[in-house]
C-alpha atoms as a PDB file:
ATOM      1  CA  MET A   1       1.368  48.193   7.103  1.00  0.00           C
ATOM      2  CA  SER A   2      -0.330  44.939   7.975  1.00  0.00           C
ATOM      3  CA  THR A   3      -0.046  41.754   5.945  1.00  0.00           C
ATOM      4  CA  ALA A   4      -3.692  42.151   4.909  1.00  0.00           C
ATOM      5  CA  ASN A   5      -2.901  45.572   3.427  1.00  0.00           C
ATOM      6  CA  LEU A   6       0.132  44.214   1.588  1.00  0.00           C
ATOM      7  CA  ASN A   7      -1.943  41.472   0.026  1.00  0.00           C
ATOM      8  CA  ARG A   8      -4.507  44.002  -1.126  1.00  0.00           C
ATOM      9  CA  LEU A   9      -1.764  46.088  -2.807  1.00  0.00           C
ATOM     10  CA  ASP A  10      -0.604  43.025  -4.767  1.00  0.00           C
ATOM     11  CA  GLN A  11      -4.036  42.448  -6.293  1.00  0.00           C
ATOM     12  CA  GLU A  12      -4.853  43.638  -9.786  1.00  0.00           C
ATOM     13  CA  PRO A  13      -6.607  46.994 -10.007  1.00  0.00           C
ATOM     14  CA  PRO A  14     -10.236  47.065 -11.249  1.00  0.00           C
ATOM     15  CA  THR A  15      -9.059  47.752 -14.819  1.00  0.00           C
ATOM     16  CA  GLY A  16      -7.469  44.295 -14.978  1.00  0.00           C
ATOM     17  CA  ARG A  17      -3.973  45.755 -15.467  1.00  0.00           C
ATOM     18  CA  THR A  18      -1.163  45.032 -13.059  1.00  0.00           C
ATOM     19  CA  VAL A  19       0.346  47.913 -11.120  1.00  0.00           C
ATOM     20  CA  PRO A  20       4.107  48.317 -11.520  1.00  0.00           C
ATOM     21  CA  LYS A  21       6.123  47.760  -8.334  1.00  0.00           C
ATOM     22  CA  VAL A  22       9.425  49.569  -7.757  1.00  0.00           C
ATOM     23  CA  ALA A  23      11.717  49.027  -4.768  1.00  0.00           C
ATOM     24  CA  SER A  24      12.406  52.208  -2.800  1.00  0.00           C
ATOM     25  CA  GLU A  25      16.137  51.459  -3.111  1.00  0.00           C
ATOM     26  CA  GLN A  26      15.829  51.909  -6.886  1.00  0.00           C
ATOM     27  CA  ILE A  27      14.202  55.305  -6.462  1.00  0.00           C
ATOM     28  CA  MET A  28      16.353  56.612  -3.603  1.00  0.00           C
ATOM     29  CA  ARG A  29      19.715  55.333  -4.974  1.00  0.00           C
ATOM     30  CA  GLY A  30      21.389  55.466  -1.572  1.00  0.00           C
ATOM     31  CA  GLN A  31      20.055  58.935  -0.719  1.00  0.00           C
ATOM     32  CA  ARG A  32      17.898  59.808   2.309  1.00  0.00           C
ATOM     33  CA  GLU A  33      15.938  62.473   0.368  1.00  0.00           C
ATOM     34  CA  ILE A  34      15.077  63.159  -3.265  1.00  0.00           C
ATOM     35  CA  VAL A  35      12.993  65.743  -5.117  1.00  0.00           C
ATOM     36  CA  ILE A  36      10.313  64.494  -7.498  1.00  0.00           C
ATOM     37  CA  GLN A  37       9.237  66.908 -10.245  1.00  0.00           C
ATOM     38  CA  HIS A  38       5.559  66.409 -11.130  1.00  0.00           C
ATOM     39  CA  GLY A  39       4.538  68.960 -13.736  1.00  0.00           C
ATOM     40  CA  PRO A  40       5.350  72.387 -12.293  1.00  0.00           C
ATOM     41  CA  GLU A  41       5.305  71.080  -8.699  1.00  0.00           C
ATOM     42  CA  GLU A  42       8.195  69.713  -6.618  1.00  0.00           C
ATOM     43  CA  TYR A  43       7.701  67.034  -3.979  1.00  0.00           C
ATOM     44  CA  ARG A  44      10.263  65.746  -1.483  1.00  0.00           C
ATOM     45  CA  LEU A  45      10.456  62.039  -0.733  1.00  0.00           C
ATOM     46  CA  ARG A  46      12.547  61.236   2.314  1.00  0.00           C
ATOM     47  CA  ILE A  47      13.376  58.295   4.529  1.00  0.00           C
ATOM     48  CA  THR A  48      12.850  59.010   8.233  1.00  0.00           C
ATOM     49  CA  ALA A  49      15.109  57.858  11.056  1.00  0.00           C
ATOM     50  CA  MET A  50      12.578  55.054  11.623  1.00  0.00           C
ATOM     51  CA  GLY A  51      12.851  53.911   7.983  1.00  0.00           C
ATOM     52  CA  LYS A  52       9.446  55.226   6.867  1.00  0.00           C
ATOM     53  CA  LEU A  53       8.855  57.111   3.604  1.00  0.00           C
ATOM     54  CA  ILE A  54       7.421  60.617   3.787  1.00  0.00           C
ATOM     55  CA  LEU A  55       6.243  62.560   0.695  1.00  0.00           C
ATOM     56  CA  THR A  56       5.726  66.307   1.149  1.00  0.00           C
ATOM     57  CA  LYS A  57       4.958  69.158  -1.205  1.00  0.00           C
END
C-alpha cells in the first residue's frame, strides 16, 4: 500500500467518528491463520509467506 493510501486510511470517516485501529499482531496472537466468526459465516484470515494478510470465506 502506498503512503498516499495509508494517509487516506488515517483520516476521519465522513461521519466525523474515528475508525478504530488494531495491530494485526493483536488479532493473530502469534498464529499464521485464524478463523473469524461473523454471524453464521466463518472467514479465515491468514498471513502469507510474503507477510500479506488474506481474508477468505
